[in-house]
């Protein structure tokens, strides 16, 4: 299943760093996503864009994660030649990742 079936996302940027928040629609999916949505998996999925480290911050009371992606904006908003220099579409790209089916 696609991540977008279990969560929605928001993005932000500062310099050459992008952050993507992934927010569960239902808190009961949080533990499952914590297991399958690792920083390594996020970096591999977004490897064409993310050239730096990926750090995951867990927000269990919100049922959310915040991923901070280093060196992800082609040098930063004022230097990038990307069509989406702010990286706003990256949350949609992350929500396209395949995640394991929910356990019974």
PDB file of N, CA and C in Angstrom:
ATOM      1  N   UNK A   1       0.844  -1.171   0.000  1.00  0.00           N
ATOM      2  CA  UNK A   1       0.000   0.000   0.000  1.00  0.00           C
ATOM      3  C   UNK A   1       0.896   1.243   0.000  1.00  0.00           C
ATOM      4  N   UNK A   2       0.356   2.325  -0.471  1.00  0.00           N
ATOM      5  CA  UNK A   2       1.096   3.582  -0.478  1.00  0.00           C
ATOM      6  C   UNK A   2       0.958   4.273   0.881  1.00  0.00           C
ATOM      7  N   UNK A   3       2.017   4.972   1.282  1.00  0.00           N
ATOM      8  CA  UNK A   3       2.002   5.708   2.540  1.00  0.00           C
ATOM      9  C   UNK A   3       0.824   6.677   2.592  1.00  0.00           C
ATOM     10  N   UNK A   4       0.450   7.261   1.453  1.00  0.00           N
ATOM     11  CA  UNK A   4      -0.637   8.250   1.427  1.00  0.00           C
ATOM     12  C   UNK A   4      -1.977   7.681   1.902  1.00  0.00           C
ATOM     13  N   UNK A   5      -2.097   6.352   1.947  1.00  0.00           N
ATOM     14  CA  UNK A   5      -3.322   5.750   2.450  1.00  0.00           C
ATOM     15  C   UNK A   5      -3.408   5.798   3.976  1.00  0.00           C
ATOM     16  N   UNK A   6      -2.254   6.020   4.632  1.00  0.00           N
ATOM     17  CA  UNK A   6      -2.201   6.028   6.089  1.00  0.00           C
ATOM     18  C   UNK A   6      -1.856   7.390   6.679  1.00  0.00           C
ATOM     19  N   UNK A   7      -1.338   8.307   5.846  1.00  0.00           N
ATOM     20  CA  UNK A   7      -0.835   9.571   6.385  1.00  0.00           C
ATOM     21  C   UNK A   7      -0.861  10.662   5.326  1.00  0.00           C
ATOM     22  N   UNK A   8      -0.739  11.892   5.813  1.00  0.00           N
ATOM     23  CA  UNK A   8      -0.556  13.032   4.903  1.00  0.00           C
ATOM     24  C   UNK A   8       0.757  13.706   5.278  1.00  0.00           C
ATOM     25  N   UNK A   9       1.190  14.673   4.484  1.00  0.00           N
ATOM     26  CA  UNK A   9       2.493  15.286   4.726  1.00  0.00           C
ATOM     27  C   UNK A   9       2.484  16.790   4.531  1.00  0.00           C
ATOM     28  N   UNK A  10       3.487  17.417   5.131  1.00  0.00           N
ATOM     29  CA  UNK A  10       3.735  18.857   4.993  1.00  0.00           C
ATOM     30  C   UNK A  10       5.237  19.042   4.868  1.00  0.00           C
ATOM     31  N   UNK A  11       5.638  20.105   4.191  1.00  0.00           N
ATOM     32  CA  UNK A  11       7.063  20.368   4.031  1.00  0.00           C
ATOM     33  C   UNK A  11       7.415  21.774   4.486  1.00  0.00           C
ATOM     34  N   UNK A  12       8.698  21.943   4.724  1.00  0.00           N
ATOM     35  CA  UNK A  12       9.266  23.245   5.031  1.00  0.00           C
ATOM     36  C   UNK A  12      10.709  23.251   4.578  1.00  0.00           C
ATOM     37  N   UNK A  13      11.297  24.412   4.484  1.00  0.00           N
ATOM     38  CA  UNK A  13      12.689  24.484   4.047  1.00  0.00           C
ATOM     39  C   UNK A  13      13.412  25.628   4.729  1.00  0.00           C
ATOM     40  N   UNK A  14      14.697  25.478   4.821  1.00  0.00           N
ATOM     41  CA  UNK A  14      15.586  26.527   5.334  1.00  0.00           C
ATOM     42  C   UNK A  14      16.940  26.293   4.689  1.00  0.00           C
ATOM     43  N   UNK A  15      17.371  27.224   3.873  1.00  0.00           N
ATOM     44  CA  UNK A  15      18.647  27.039   3.190  1.00  0.00           C
ATOM     45  C   UNK A  15      18.581  25.825   2.274  1.00  0.00           C
ATOM     46  N   UNK A  16      19.504  24.903   2.471  1.00  0.00           N
ATOM     47  CA  UNK A  16      19.593  23.702   1.655  1.00  0.00           C
ATOM     48  C   UNK A  16      19.015  22.488   2.393  1.00  0.00           C
ATOM     49  N   UNK A  17      18.252  22.744   3.448  1.00  0.00           N
ATOM     50  CA  UNK A  17      17.666  21.677   4.260  1.00  0.00           C
ATOM     51  C   UNK A  17      16.159  21.676   4.078  1.00  0.00           C
ATOM     52  N   UNK A  18      15.625  20.484   3.899  1.00  0.00           N
ATOM     53  CA  UNK A  18      14.193  20.303   3.716  1.00  0.00           C
ATOM     54  C   UNK A  18      13.668  19.469   4.875  1.00  0.00           C
ATOM     55  N   UNK A  19      12.501  19.806   5.378  1.00  0.00           N
ATOM     56  CA  UNK A  19      11.871  18.908   6.346  1.00  0.00           C
ATOM     57  C   UNK A  19      10.507  18.489   5.825  1.00  0.00           C
ATOM     58  N   UNK A  20      10.194  17.220   6.066  1.00  0.00           N
ATOM     59  CA  UNK A  20       8.907  16.661   5.671  1.00  0.00           C
ATOM     60  C   UNK A  20       8.277  16.052   6.917  1.00  0.00           C
ATOM     61  N   UNK A  21       7.097  16.524   7.243  1.00  0.00           N
ATOM     62  CA  UNK A  21       6.333  15.932   8.331  1.00  0.00           C
ATOM     63  C   UNK A  21       5.357  14.937   7.743  1.00  0.00           C
ATOM     64  N   UNK A  22       5.283  13.773   8.370  1.00  0.00           N
ATOM     65  CA  UNK A  22       4.344  12.728   7.992  1.00  0.00           C
ATOM     66  C   UNK A  22       3.403  12.552   9.177  1.00  0.00           C
ATOM     67  N   UNK A  23       2.119  12.783   8.948  1.00  0.00           N
ATOM     68  CA  UNK A  23       1.129  12.777  10.029  1.00  0.00           C
ATOM     69  C   UNK A  23       0.114  11.671   9.758  1.00  0.00           C
ATOM     70  N   UNK A  24      -0.001  10.740  10.688  1.00  0.00           N
ATOM     71  CA  UNK A  24      -0.935   9.618  10.546  1.00  0.00           C
ATOM     72  C   UNK A  24      -2.379  10.115  10.556  1.00  0.00           C
ATOM     73  N   UNK A  25      -3.205   9.553   9.701  1.00  0.00           N
ATOM     74  CA  UNK A  25      -4.635   9.835   9.758  1.00  0.00           C
ATOM     75  C   UNK A  25      -5.240   9.260  11.034  1.00  0.00           C
ATOM     76  N   UNK A  26      -4.720   8.103  11.449  1.00  0.00           N
ATOM     77  CA  UNK A  26      -5.227   7.422  12.640  1.00  0.00           C
ATOM     78  C   UNK A  26      -4.028   7.041  13.506  1.00  0.00           C
ATOM     79  N   UNK A  27      -4.051   7.405  14.768  1.00  0.00           N
ATOM     80  CA  UNK A  27      -2.924   7.152  15.677  1.00  0.00           C
ATOM     81  C   UNK A  27      -2.574   5.675  15.783  1.00  0.00           C
ATOM     82  N   UNK A  28      -3.518   4.793  15.493  1.00  0.00           N
ATOM     83  CA  UNK A  28      -3.228   3.360  15.594  1.00  0.00           C
ATOM     84  C   UNK A  28      -2.219   2.896  14.544  1.00  0.00           C
ATOM     85  N   UNK A  29      -1.942   3.711  13.523  1.00  0.00           N
ATOM     86  CA  UNK A  29      -0.970   3.356  12.498  1.00  0.00           C
ATOM     87  C   UNK A  29       0.446   3.828  12.834  1.00  0.00           C
ATOM     88  N   UNK A  30       0.586   4.594  13.897  1.00  0.00           N
ATOM     89  CA  UNK A  30       1.872   5.202  14.229  1.00  0.00           C
ATOM     90  C   UNK A  30       2.973   4.158  14.446  1.00  0.00           C
ATOM     91  N   UNK A  31       2.722   3.146  15.259  1.00  0.00           N
ATOM     92  CA  UNK A  31       3.751   2.139  15.570  1.00  0.00           C
ATOM     93  C   UNK A  31       4.179   1.400  14.303  1.00  0.00           C
ATOM     94  N   UNK A  32       3.227   1.082  13.452  1.00  0.00           N
ATOM     95  CA  UNK A  32       3.549   0.402  12.194  1.00  0.00           C
ATOM     96  C   UNK A  32       4.448   1.280  11.326  1.00  0.00           C
ATOM     97  N   UNK A  33       4.104   2.548  11.203  1.00  0.00           N
ATOM     98  CA  UNK A  33       4.917   3.442  10.374  1.00  0.00           C
ATOM     99  C   UNK A  33       6.284   3.695  11.002  1.00  0.00           C
ATOM    100  N   UNK A  34       6.356   3.708  12.320  1.00  0.00           N
ATOM    101  CA  UNK A  34       7.661   3.860  12.980  1.00  0.00           C
ATOM    102  C   UNK A  34       8.586   2.712  12.578  1.00  0.00           C
ATOM    103  N   UNK A  35       8.029   1.523  12.445  1.00  0.00           N
ATOM    104  CA  UNK A  35       8.837   0.362  12.076  1.00  0.00           C
ATOM    105  C   UNK A  35       9.272   0.366  10.620  1.00  0.00           C
ATOM    106  N   UNK A  36       8.413   0.826   9.734  1.00  0.00           N
ATOM    107  CA  UNK A  36       8.713   0.710   8.297  1.00  0.00           C
ATOM    108  C   UNK A  36       9.251   1.977   7.651  1.00  0.00           C
ATOM    109  N   UNK A  37       9.036   3.116   8.256  1.00  0.00           N
ATOM    110  CA  UNK A  37       9.439   4.392   7.654  1.00  0.00           C
ATOM    111  C   UNK A  37      10.721   4.892   8.321  1.00  0.00           C
ATOM    112  N   UNK A  38      11.797   4.184   8.074  1.00  0.00           N
ATOM    113  CA  UNK A  38      13.085   4.509   8.696  1.00  0.00           C
ATOM    114  C   UNK A  38      13.788   5.628   7.921  1.00  0.00           C
ATOM    115  N   UNK A  39      14.737   6.319   8.561  1.00  0.00           N
ATOM    116  CA  UNK A  39      15.500   7.339   7.834  1.00  0.00           C
ATOM    117  C   UNK A  39      16.220   6.766   6.611  1.00  0.00           C
ATOM    118  N   UNK A  40      16.726   5.553   6.739  1.00  0.00           N
ATOM    119  CA  UNK A  40      17.426   4.923   5.617  1.00  0.00           C
ATOM    120  C   UNK A  40      16.479   4.675   4.443  1.00  0.00           C
ATOM    121  N   UNK A  41      15.296   4.255   4.759  1.00  0.00           N
ATOM    122  CA  UNK A  41      14.296   3.990   3.719  1.00  0.00           C
ATOM    123  C   UNK A  41      13.861   5.283   3.044  1.00  0.00           C
ATOM    124  N   UNK A  42      13.682   6.339   3.818  1.00  0.00           N
ATOM    125  CA  UNK A  42      13.300   7.640   3.250  1.00  0.00           C
ATOM    126  C   UNK A  42      14.408   8.161   2.345  1.00  0.00           C
ATOM    127  N   UNK A  43      15.653   8.047   2.809  1.00  0.00           N
ATOM    128  CA  UNK A  43      16.777   8.521   1.992  1.00  0.00           C
ATOM    129  C   UNK A  43      16.869   7.732   0.684  1.00  0.00           C
ATOM    130  N   UNK A  44      16.695   6.418   0.756  1.00  0.00           N
ATOM    131  CA  UNK A  44      16.757   5.600  -0.458  1.00  0.00           C
ATOM    132  C   UNK A  44      15.630   5.978  -1.422  1.00  0.00           C
ATOM    133  N   UNK A  45      14.446   6.227  -0.899  1.00  0.00           N
ATOM    134  CA  UNK A  45      13.302   6.570  -1.749  1.00  0.00           C
ATOM    135  C   UNK A  45      13.486   7.924  -2.443  1.00  0.00           C
ATOM    136  N   UNK A  46      14.149   8.845  -1.764  1.00  0.00           N
ATOM    137  CA  UNK A  46      14.341  10.198  -2.302  1.00  0.00           C
ATOM    138  C   UNK A  46      15.787  10.443  -2.740  1.00  0.00           C
ATOM    139  N   UNK A  47      16.502   9.375  -3.055  1.00  0.00           N
ATOM    140  CA  UNK A  47      17.940   9.450  -3.337  1.00  0.00           C
ATOM    141  C   UNK A  47      18.301  10.382  -4.488  1.00  0.00           C
ATOM    142  N   UNK A  48      17.418  10.570  -5.433  1.00  0.00           N
ATOM    143  CA  UNK A  48      17.728  11.455  -6.561  1.00  0.00           C
ATOM    144  C   UNK A  48      17.831  12.912  -6.128  1.00  0.00           C
ATOM    145  N   UNK A  49      17.228  13.252  -4.996  1.00  0.00           N
ATOM    146  CA  UNK A  49      17.196  14.636  -4.541  1.00  0.00           C
ATOM    147  C   UNK A  49      18.011  14.834  -3.269  1.00  0.00           C
ATOM    148  N   UNK A  50      17.908  13.914  -2.340  1.00  0.00           N
ATOM    149  CA  UNK A  50      18.539  14.069  -1.026  1.00  0.00           C
ATOM    150  C   UNK A  50      19.977  13.558  -1.081  1.00  0.00           C
ATOM    151  N   UNK A  51      20.921  14.470  -0.892  1.00  0.00           N
ATOM    152  CA  UNK A  51      22.336  14.116  -0.952  1.00  0.00           C
ATOM    153  C   UNK A  51      22.993  14.072   0.427  1.00  0.00           C
ATOM    154  N   UNK A  52      22.287  14.535   1.452  1.00  0.00           N
ATOM    155  CA  UNK A  52      22.839  14.558   2.809  1.00  0.00           C
ATOM    156  C   UNK A  52      22.161  13.547   3.707  1.00  0.00           C
ATOM    157  N   UNK A  53      22.324  13.753   4.998  1.00  0.00           N
ATOM    158  CA  UNK A  53      21.743  12.866   5.994  1.00  0.00           C
ATOM    159  C   UNK A  53      20.238  13.067   6.105  1.00  0.00           C
ATOM    160  N   UNK A  54      19.576  12.016   6.569  1.00  0.00           N
ATOM    161  CA  UNK A  54      18.150  12.076   6.897  1.00  0.00           C
ATOM    162  C   UNK A  54      18.012  11.731   8.375  1.00  0.00           C
ATOM    163  N   UNK A  55      17.401  12.634   9.125  1.00  0.00           N
ATOM    164  CA  UNK A  55      17.177  12.423  10.558  1.00  0.00           C
ATOM    165  C   UNK A  55      15.677  12.381  10.789  1.00  0.00           C
ATOM    166  N   UNK A  56      15.227  11.381  11.556  1.00  0.00           N
ATOM    167  CA  UNK A  56      13.799  11.256  11.874  1.00  0.00           C
ATOM    168  C   UNK A  56      13.564  11.665  13.318  1.00  0.00           C
ATOM    169  N   UNK A  57      12.626  12.567  13.511  1.00  0.00           N
ATOM    170  CA  UNK A  57      12.173  12.944  14.849  1.00  0.00           C
ATOM    171  C   UNK A  57      10.783  12.359  15.042  1.00  0.00           C
ATOM    172  N   UNK A  58      10.592  11.678  16.152  1.00  0.00           N
ATOM    173  CA  UNK A  58       9.322  11.027  16.435  1.00  0.00           C
ATOM    174  C   UNK A  58       8.463  11.909  17.330  1.00  0.00           C
ATOM    175  N   UNK A  59       7.199  12.024  16.969  1.00  0.00           N
ATOM    176  CA  UNK A  59       6.235  12.829  17.714  1.00  0.00           C
ATOM    177  C   UNK A  59       5.018  11.960  18.027  1.00  0.00           C
ATOM    178  N   UNK A  60       5.175  11.008  18.947  1.00  0.00           N
ATOM    179  CA  UNK A  60       4.106  10.031  19.179  1.00  0.00           C
ATOM    180  C   UNK A  60       2.796  10.637  19.675  1.00  0.00           C
ATOM    181  N   UNK A  61       2.849  11.698  20.445  1.00  0.00           N
ATOM    182  CA  UNK A  61       1.601  12.294  20.929  1.00  0.00           C
ATOM    183  C   UNK A  61       0.802  12.949  19.808  1.00  0.00           C
ATOM    184  N   UNK A  62       1.486  13.283  18.726  1.00  0.00           N
ATOM    185  CA  UNK A  62       0.815  13.846  17.549  1.00  0.00           C
ATOM    186  C   UNK A  62       0.552  12.793  16.477  1.00  0.00           C
ATOM    187  N   UNK A  63       1.112  11.600  16.667  1.00  0.00           N
ATOM    188  CA  UNK A  63       1.001  10.574  15.633  1.00  0.00           C
ATOM    189  C   UNK A  63       1.732  10.991  14.379  1.00  0.00           C
ATOM    190  N   UNK A  64       2.931  11.580  14.566  1.00  0.00           N
ATOM    191  CA  UNK A  64       3.643  12.162  13.425  1.00  0.00           C
ATOM    192  C   UNK A  64       5.147  11.923  13.517  1.00  0.00           C
ATOM    193  N   UNK A  65       5.797  12.136  12.387  1.00  0.00           N
ATOM    194  CA  UNK A  65       7.255  12.089  12.276  1.00  0.00           C
ATOM    195  C   UNK A  65       7.692  13.348  11.541  1.00  0.00           C
ATOM    196  N   UNK A  66       8.852  13.842  11.876  1.00  0.00           N
ATOM    197  CA  UNK A  66       9.441  14.934  11.121  1.00  0.00           C
ATOM    198  C   UNK A  66      10.785  14.456  10.603  1.00  0.00           C
ATOM    199  N   UNK A  67      10.934  14.418   9.300  1.00  0.00           N
ATOM    200  CA  UNK A  67      12.183  14.015   8.661  1.00  0.00           C
ATOM    201  C   UNK A  67      12.914  15.268   8.210  1.00  0.00           C
ATOM    202  N   UNK A  68      14.162  15.398   8.641  1.00  0.00           N
ATOM    203  CA  UNK A  68      14.998  16.516   8.236  1.00  0.00           C
ATOM    204  C   UNK A  68      16.010  15.972   7.228  1.00  0.00           C
ATOM    205  N   UNK A  69      15.965  16.523   6.020  1.00  0.00           N
ATOM    206  CA  UNK A  69      16.768  16.030   4.905  1.00  0.00           C
ATOM    207  C   UNK A  69      17.824  17.064   4.542  1.00  0.00           C
ATOM    208  N   UNK A  70      19.076  16.713   4.761  1.00  0.00           N
ATOM    209  CA  UNK A  70      20.176  17.627   4.477  1.00  0.00           C
ATOM    210  C   UNK A  70      20.576  17.608   3.015  1.00  0.00           C
ATOM    211  N   UNK A  71      21.085  18.724   2.559  1.00  0.00           N
ATOM    212  CA  UNK A  71      21.573  18.857   1.185  1.00  0.00           C
ATOM    213  C   UNK A  71      20.531  18.338   0.193  1.00  0.00           C
ATOM    214  N   UNK A  72      19.328  18.891   0.298  1.00  0.00           N
ATOM    215  CA  UNK A  72      18.212  18.367  -0.476  1.00  0.00           C
ATOM    216  C   UNK A  72      17.577  19.379  -1.428  1.00  0.00           C
ATOM    217  N   UNK A  73      18.097  20.588  -1.461  1.00  0.00           N
ATOM    218  CA  UNK A  73      17.446  21.620  -2.281  1.00  0.00           C
ATOM    219  C   UNK A  73      18.372  22.210  -3.342  1.00  0.00           C
ATOM    220  N   UNK A  74      19.323  21.426  -3.795  1.00  0.00           N
ATOM    221  CA  UNK A  74      20.190  21.878  -4.880  1.00  0.00           C
ATOM    222  C   UNK A  74      20.978  23.129  -4.561  1.00  0.00           C
ATOM    223  N   UNK A  75      21.369  23.293  -3.309  1.00  0.00           N
ATOM    224  CA  UNK A  75      22.150  24.452  -2.898  1.00  0.00           C
ATOM    225  C   UNK A  75      21.326  25.488  -2.152  1.00  0.00           C
ATOM    226  N   UNK A  76      20.031  25.323  -2.134  1.00  0.00           N
ATOM    227  CA  UNK A  76      19.160  26.273  -1.441  1.00  0.00           C
ATOM    228  C   UNK A  76      18.243  26.981  -2.412  1.00  0.00           C
ATOM    229  N   UNK A  77      17.227  27.593  -1.887  1.00  0.00           N
ATOM    230  CA  UNK A  77      16.182  28.199  -2.707  1.00  0.00           C
ATOM    231  C   UNK A  77      16.743  29.232  -3.684  1.00  0.00           C
ATOM    232  N   UNK A  78      17.662  30.048  -3.251  1.00  0.00           N
ATOM    233  CA  UNK A  78      18.163  31.109  -4.129  1.00  0.00           C
ATOM    234  C   UNK A  78      19.233  30.625  -5.109  1.00  0.00           C
ATOM    235  N   UNK A  79      19.713  29.390  -4.937  1.00  0.00           N
ATOM    236  CA  UNK A  79      20.758  28.862  -5.817  1.00  0.00           C
ATOM    237  C   UNK A  79      20.289  27.732  -6.711  1.00  0.00           C
ATOM    238  N   UNK A  80      19.188  27.110  -6.367  1.00  0.00           N
ATOM    239  CA  UNK A  80      18.743  25.910  -7.072  1.00  0.00           C
ATOM    240  C   UNK A  80      18.175  26.234  -8.451  1.00  0.00           C
ATOM    241  N   UNK A  81      18.406  25.322  -9.370  1.00  0.00           N
ATOM    242  CA  UNK A  81      17.807  25.416 -10.701  1.00  0.00           C
ATOM    243  C   UNK A  81      16.565  24.542 -10.814  1.00  0.00           C
ATOM    244  N   UNK A  82      16.169  23.918  -9.709  1.00  0.00           N
ATOM    245  CA  UNK A  82      15.004  23.032  -9.709  1.00  0.00           C
ATOM    246  C   UNK A  82      13.719  23.832  -9.931  1.00  0.00           C
ATOM    247  N   UNK A  83      12.752  23.209 -10.576  1.00  0.00           N
ATOM    248  CA  UNK A  83      11.466  23.867 -10.779  1.00  0.00           C
ATOM    249  C   UNK A  83      10.764  24.132  -9.452  1.00  0.00           C
ATOM    250  N   UNK A  84      10.947  23.227  -8.480  1.00  0.00           N
ATOM    251  CA  UNK A  84      10.366  23.381  -7.147  1.00  0.00           C
ATOM    252  C   UNK A  84      11.508  23.615  -6.173  1.00  0.00           C
ATOM    253  N   UNK A  85      12.053  24.803  -6.195  1.00  0.00           N
ATOM    254  CA  UNK A  85      13.232  25.104  -5.375  1.00  0.00           C
ATOM    255  C   UNK A  85      12.961  24.980  -3.884  1.00  0.00           C
ATOM    256  N   UNK A  86      11.720  25.117  -3.469  1.00  0.00           N
ATOM    257  CA  UNK A  86      11.367  25.009  -2.054  1.00  0.00           C
ATOM    258  C   UNK A  86      11.124  23.571  -1.623  1.00  0.00           C
ATOM    259  N   UNK A  87      11.011  22.651  -2.548  1.00  0.00           N
ATOM    260  CA  UNK A  87      10.795  21.255  -2.207  1.00  0.00           C
ATOM    261  C   UNK A  87       9.400  20.915  -1.734  1.00  0.00           C
ATOM    262  N   UNK A  88       8.417  21.754  -2.031  1.00  0.00           N
ATOM    263  CA  UNK A  88       7.051  21.512  -1.554  1.00  0.00           C
ATOM    264  C   UNK A  88       6.477  20.213  -2.112  1.00  0.00           C
ATOM    265  N   UNK A  89       6.874  19.826  -3.296  1.00  0.00           N
ATOM    266  CA  UNK A  89       6.336  18.593  -3.880  1.00  0.00           C
ATOM    267  C   UNK A  89       6.968  17.336  -3.292  1.00  0.00           C
ATOM    268  N   UNK A  90       7.997  17.493  -2.479  1.00  0.00           N
ATOM    269  CA  UNK A  90       8.683  16.322  -1.925  1.00  0.00           C
ATOM    270  C   UNK A  90       7.811  15.541  -0.952  1.00  0.00           C
ATOM    271  N   UNK A  91       6.875  16.196  -0.293  1.00  0.00           N
ATOM    272  CA  UNK A  91       5.988  15.433   0.595  1.00  0.00           C
ATOM    273  C   UNK A  91       5.141  14.472  -0.232  1.00  0.00           C
ATOM    274  N   UNK A  92       4.712  14.893  -1.402  1.00  0.00           N
ATOM    275  CA  UNK A  92       3.937  14.001  -2.271  1.00  0.00           C
ATOM    276  C   UNK A  92       4.801  12.844  -2.763  1.00  0.00           C
ATOM    277  N   UNK A  93       6.067  13.127  -3.047  1.00  0.00           N
ATOM    278  CA  UNK A  93       6.976  12.060  -3.473  1.00  0.00           C
ATOM    279  C   UNK A  93       7.176  11.040  -2.353  1.00  0.00           C
ATOM    280  N   UNK A  94       7.302  11.524  -1.124  1.00  0.00           N
ATOM    281  CA  UNK A  94       7.473  10.601  -0.001  1.00  0.00           C
ATOM    282  C   UNK A  94       6.200   9.798   0.238  1.00  0.00           C
ATOM    283  N   UNK A  95       5.040  10.414   0.098  1.00  0.00           N
ATOM    284  CA  UNK A  95       3.785   9.703   0.316  1.00  0.00           C
ATOM    285  C   UNK A  95       3.542   8.627  -0.736  1.00  0.00           C
ATOM    286  N   UNK A  96       4.344   8.614  -1.782  1.00  0.00           N
ATOM    287  CA  UNK A  96       4.243   7.595  -2.829  1.00  0.00           C
ATOM    288  C   UNK A  96       5.008   6.315  -2.469  1.00  0.00           C
ATOM    289  N   UNK A  97       5.752   6.334  -1.375  1.00  0.00           N
ATOM    290  CA  UNK A  97       6.543   5.168  -0.980  1.00  0.00           C
ATOM    291  C   UNK A  97       5.606   4.011  -0.615  1.00  0.00           C
ATOM    292  N   UNK A  98       6.021   2.820  -0.981  1.00  0.00           N
ATOM    293  CA  UNK A  98       5.262   1.615  -0.622  1.00  0.00           C
ATOM    294  C   UNK A  98       5.595   1.232   0.815  1.00  0.00           C
ATOM    295  N   UNK A  99       4.578   0.964   1.603  1.00  0.00           N
ATOM    296  CA  UNK A  99       4.776   0.474   2.964  1.00  0.00           C
ATOM    297  C   UNK A  99       4.064  -0.863   3.099  1.00  0.00           C
ATOM    298  N   UNK A 100       4.549  -1.665   4.019  1.00  0.00           N
ATOM    299  CA  UNK A 100       3.949  -2.976   4.238  1.00  0.00           C
ATOM    300  C   UNK A 100       2.496  -2.827   4.649  1.00  0.00           C
ATOM    301  N   UNK A 101       1.722  -3.835   4.310  1.00  0.00           N
ATOM    302  CA  UNK A 101       0.334  -3.865   4.744  1.00  0.00           C
ATOM    303  C   UNK A 101       0.275  -3.841   6.263  1.00  0.00           C
ATOM    304  N   UNK A 102      -0.783  -3.311   6.790  1.00  0.00           N
ATOM    305  CA  UNK A 102      -0.965  -3.278   8.246  1.00  0.00           C
ATOM    306  C   UNK A 102      -1.109  -4.690   8.789  1.00  0.00           C
ATOM    307  N   UNK A 103      -0.469  -4.961   9.930  1.00  0.00           N
ATOM    308  CA  UNK A 103      -0.646  -6.281  10.536  1.00  0.00           C
ATOM    309  C   UNK A 103      -2.084  -6.473  10.996  1.00  0.00           C
ATOM    310  N   UNK A 104      -2.526  -7.695  10.984  1.00  0.00           N
ATOM    311  CA  UNK A 104      -3.909  -8.002  11.420  1.00  0.00           C
ATOM    312  C   UNK A 104      -4.087  -7.787  12.888  1.00  0.00           C
TER     313      UNK A 104
END
